[in-house]
Amino acid sequence: DFDKFWLVASKLIPIPPSPSSLHSVPMAQAQPTNSSIDRMPDGNGVRNVPLRVYLPDSIPVIQAQSGPLDENG
């Protein structure tokens, strides 16, 4: 169940603030729009969402499961 997944995941991985809450910051505290900090990814943000797709038996797997590292590390 998608809602149950995010209920647990939100306790493990903080969800980044919504775009509307970013615009509610007063302009005096806001950084310039050309700041490189705005383009840097948030270290605490969600980067990956686990996903499992079940295919019928007659359909081949398009991509096999792969680990985060290759044979060379």
N, C-alpha and C. Protein backbone atom coordinates (compact mmCIF):
# COMPACT_ATOMS: atom_id res chain seq x y z
N ASP A 1 0.84 -1.18 0.00
CA ASP A 1 0.00 0.00 0.00
C ASP A 1 0.89 1.24 0.00
N PHE A 2 0.67 2.11 -0.96
CA PHE A 2 1.51 3.29 -1.16
C PHE A 2 1.50 4.22 0.05
N ASP A 3 0.33 4.43 0.64
CA ASP A 3 0.24 5.33 1.80
C ASP A 3 0.98 4.78 3.00
N LYS A 4 0.91 3.48 3.21
CA LYS A 4 1.64 2.87 4.33
C LYS A 4 3.15 2.96 4.11
N PHE A 5 3.58 2.78 2.86
CA PHE A 5 5.00 2.90 2.55
C PHE A 5 5.51 4.28 2.92
N TRP A 6 4.82 5.33 2.49
CA TRP A 6 5.29 6.68 2.77
C TRP A 6 5.13 7.06 4.23
N LEU A 7 4.20 6.45 4.93
CA LEU A 7 4.07 6.69 6.37
C LEU A 7 5.35 6.23 7.07
N VAL A 8 5.85 5.06 6.72
CA VAL A 8 7.09 4.54 7.30
C VAL A 8 8.30 5.29 6.73
N ALA A 9 8.33 5.49 5.43
CA ALA A 9 9.48 6.14 4.78
C ALA A 9 9.68 7.56 5.27
N SER A 10 8.60 8.27 5.57
CA SER A 10 8.74 9.65 6.03
C SER A 10 9.40 9.73 7.40
N LYS A 11 9.34 8.66 8.17
CA LYS A 11 10.02 8.63 9.46
C LYS A 11 11.51 8.31 9.30
N LEU A 12 11.87 7.59 8.23
CA LEU A 12 13.26 7.23 7.98
C LEU A 12 13.99 8.26 7.14
N ILE A 13 13.31 8.80 6.14
CA ILE A 13 13.92 9.74 5.21
C ILE A 13 13.06 11.01 5.22
N PRO A 14 13.63 12.14 5.65
CA PRO A 14 12.82 13.37 5.65
C PRO A 14 12.39 13.74 4.24
N ILE A 15 11.15 14.11 4.09
CA ILE A 15 10.62 14.52 2.81
C ILE A 15 10.98 15.99 2.60
N PRO A 16 11.53 16.36 1.42
CA PRO A 16 11.90 17.76 1.19
C PRO A 16 10.67 18.66 1.25
N PRO A 17 10.85 19.93 1.61
CA PRO A 17 9.70 20.84 1.69
C PRO A 17 9.06 21.02 0.33
N SER A 18 7.76 21.29 0.34
CA SER A 18 7.05 21.49 -0.91
C SER A 18 7.48 22.81 -1.53
N PRO A 19 7.38 22.95 -2.86
CA PRO A 19 7.79 24.19 -3.52
C PRO A 19 7.04 25.41 -2.99
N SER A 20 5.78 25.25 -2.59
CA SER A 20 5.03 26.40 -2.10
C SER A 20 5.59 26.92 -0.78
N SER A 21 6.14 26.04 0.06
CA SER A 21 6.71 26.51 1.33
C SER A 21 8.04 27.21 1.11
N LEU A 22 8.73 26.91 0.00
CA LEU A 22 9.98 27.60 -0.30
C LEU A 22 9.73 29.04 -0.70
N HIS A 23 8.60 29.31 -1.32
CA HIS A 23 8.29 30.66 -1.77
C HIS A 23 7.72 31.52 -0.66
N SER A 24 7.36 30.94 0.48
CA SER A 24 6.80 31.71 1.57
C SER A 24 7.86 32.37 2.43
N VAL A 25 9.14 32.14 2.15
CA VAL A 25 10.24 32.76 2.89
C VAL A 25 10.30 34.23 2.52
N PRO A 26 10.42 35.13 3.51
CA PRO A 26 10.53 36.56 3.18
C PRO A 26 11.72 36.82 2.27
N MET A 27 11.58 37.80 1.40
CA MET A 27 12.62 38.09 0.41
C MET A 27 13.93 38.51 1.05
N ALA A 28 13.91 39.12 2.24
CA ALA A 28 15.14 39.55 2.89
C ALA A 28 16.01 38.36 3.25
N GLN A 29 15.40 37.21 3.54
CA GLN A 29 16.15 36.02 3.92
C GLN A 29 16.42 35.11 2.74
N ALA A 30 15.74 35.34 1.64
CA ALA A 30 15.90 34.46 0.47
C ALA A 30 17.23 34.73 -0.21
N GLN A 31 17.80 33.68 -0.78
CA GLN A 31 19.05 33.81 -1.50
C GLN A 31 18.78 34.27 -2.92
N PRO A 32 19.76 34.86 -3.58
CA PRO A 32 19.56 35.26 -4.98
C PRO A 32 19.22 34.05 -5.84
N THR A 33 18.47 34.28 -6.91
CA THR A 33 18.03 33.17 -7.75
C THR A 33 19.17 32.53 -8.52
N ASN A 34 20.28 33.24 -8.69
CA ASN A 34 21.40 32.66 -9.43
C ASN A 34 22.39 31.95 -8.52
N SER A 35 22.03 31.73 -7.28
CA SER A 35 22.92 31.08 -6.32
C SER A 35 23.11 29.62 -6.69
N SER A 36 24.35 29.14 -6.58
CA SER A 36 24.62 27.73 -6.88
C SER A 36 24.06 26.82 -5.80
N ILE A 37 23.78 27.37 -4.62
CA ILE A 37 23.21 26.55 -3.54
C ILE A 37 21.81 26.08 -3.92
N ASP A 38 21.06 26.89 -4.67
CA ASP A 38 19.71 26.51 -5.09
C ASP A 38 19.73 25.28 -5.99
N ARG A 39 20.82 25.07 -6.70
CA ARG A 39 20.89 23.95 -7.65
C ARG A 39 21.48 22.69 -7.03
N MET A 40 22.04 22.79 -5.83
CA MET A 40 22.65 21.62 -5.20
C MET A 40 21.57 20.73 -4.60
N PRO A 41 21.69 19.41 -4.74
CA PRO A 41 20.69 18.51 -4.16
C PRO A 41 20.75 18.54 -2.64
N ASP A 42 19.61 18.35 -2.03
CA ASP A 42 19.52 18.30 -0.58
C ASP A 42 20.05 16.95 -0.11
N GLY A 43 20.99 16.95 0.82
CA GLY A 43 21.58 15.71 1.32
C GLY A 43 20.59 14.84 2.08
N ASN A 44 19.53 15.45 2.62
CA ASN A 44 18.54 14.69 3.37
C ASN A 44 17.30 14.38 2.54
N GLY A 45 17.29 14.77 1.29
CA GLY A 45 16.12 14.55 0.45
C GLY A 45 16.00 13.12 -0.02
N VAL A 46 14.84 12.78 -0.52
CA VAL A 46 14.59 11.45 -1.05
C VAL A 46 15.26 11.36 -2.42
N ARG A 47 16.13 10.39 -2.60
CA ARG A 47 16.84 10.23 -3.87
C ARG A 47 16.27 9.09 -4.69
N ASN A 48 15.85 8.03 -4.05
CA ASN A 48 15.34 6.86 -4.75
C ASN A 48 14.07 6.39 -4.06
N VAL A 49 13.18 5.87 -4.85
CA VAL A 49 11.97 5.27 -4.32
C VAL A 49 11.97 3.82 -4.76
N PRO A 50 11.96 2.88 -3.81
CA PRO A 50 11.93 1.46 -4.20
C PRO A 50 10.64 1.14 -4.95
N LEU A 51 10.78 0.39 -6.00
CA LEU A 51 9.64 0.06 -6.83
C LEU A 51 9.75 -1.39 -7.26
N ARG A 52 8.67 -2.11 -7.17
CA ARG A 52 8.65 -3.50 -7.62
C ARG A 52 7.48 -3.66 -8.58
N VAL A 53 7.77 -4.18 -9.75
CA VAL A 53 6.75 -4.40 -10.77
C VAL A 53 6.63 -5.89 -11.00
N TYR A 54 5.42 -6.38 -10.91
CA TYR A 54 5.16 -7.80 -11.14
C TYR A 54 4.66 -7.97 -12.57
N LEU A 55 5.37 -8.82 -13.33
CA LEU A 55 5.02 -9.09 -14.71
C LEU A 55 4.40 -10.48 -14.81
N PRO A 56 3.55 -10.68 -15.82
CA PRO A 56 3.03 -12.03 -16.05
C PRO A 56 4.17 -12.98 -16.38
N ASP A 57 3.94 -14.26 -16.20
CA ASP A 57 4.99 -15.27 -16.42
C ASP A 57 5.54 -15.26 -17.84
N SER A 58 4.74 -14.93 -18.82
CA SER A 58 5.19 -15.00 -20.21
C SER A 58 5.98 -13.76 -20.65
N ILE A 59 6.06 -12.74 -19.81
CA ILE A 59 6.77 -11.51 -20.17
C ILE A 59 8.18 -11.56 -19.59
N PRO A 60 9.22 -11.35 -20.43
CA PRO A 60 10.59 -11.35 -19.90
C PRO A 60 10.87 -10.07 -19.10
N VAL A 61 11.82 -10.16 -18.19
CA VAL A 61 12.23 -9.01 -17.40
C VAL A 61 13.01 -8.07 -18.31
N ILE A 62 12.67 -6.78 -18.27
CA ILE A 62 13.35 -5.81 -19.13
C ILE A 62 14.73 -5.49 -18.58
N GLN A 63 14.85 -5.30 -17.27
CA GLN A 63 16.14 -5.02 -16.65
C GLN A 63 16.22 -5.82 -15.37
N ALA A 64 17.29 -6.57 -15.22
CA ALA A 64 17.49 -7.35 -14.01
C ALA A 64 17.88 -6.42 -12.86
N GLN A 65 17.67 -6.89 -11.65
CA GLN A 65 18.03 -6.12 -10.47
C GLN A 65 19.53 -5.90 -10.45
N SER A 66 19.95 -4.70 -10.10
CA SER A 66 21.38 -4.39 -10.04
C SER A 66 21.69 -3.71 -8.72
N GLY A 67 22.88 -3.94 -8.23
CA GLY A 67 23.31 -3.35 -6.98
C GLY A 67 23.84 -1.94 -7.16
N PRO A 68 24.13 -1.24 -6.07
CA PRO A 68 24.62 0.13 -6.18
C PRO A 68 26.06 0.22 -6.67
N LEU A 69 26.81 -0.87 -6.61
CA LEU A 69 28.20 -0.87 -7.06
C LEU A 69 28.40 -1.92 -8.13
N ASP A 70 29.36 -1.68 -9.01
CA ASP A 70 29.68 -2.69 -10.01
C ASP A 70 30.77 -3.63 -9.49
N GLU A 71 31.29 -4.49 -10.35
CA GLU A 71 32.29 -5.48 -9.93
C GLU A 71 33.57 -4.84 -9.41
N ASN A 72 33.89 -3.64 -9.90
CA ASN A 72 35.12 -2.95 -9.50
C ASN A 72 34.95 -2.08 -8.26
N GLY A 73 33.75 -2.00 -7.73
CA GLY A 73 33.51 -1.20 -6.53
C GLY A 73 33.06 0.16 -6.87
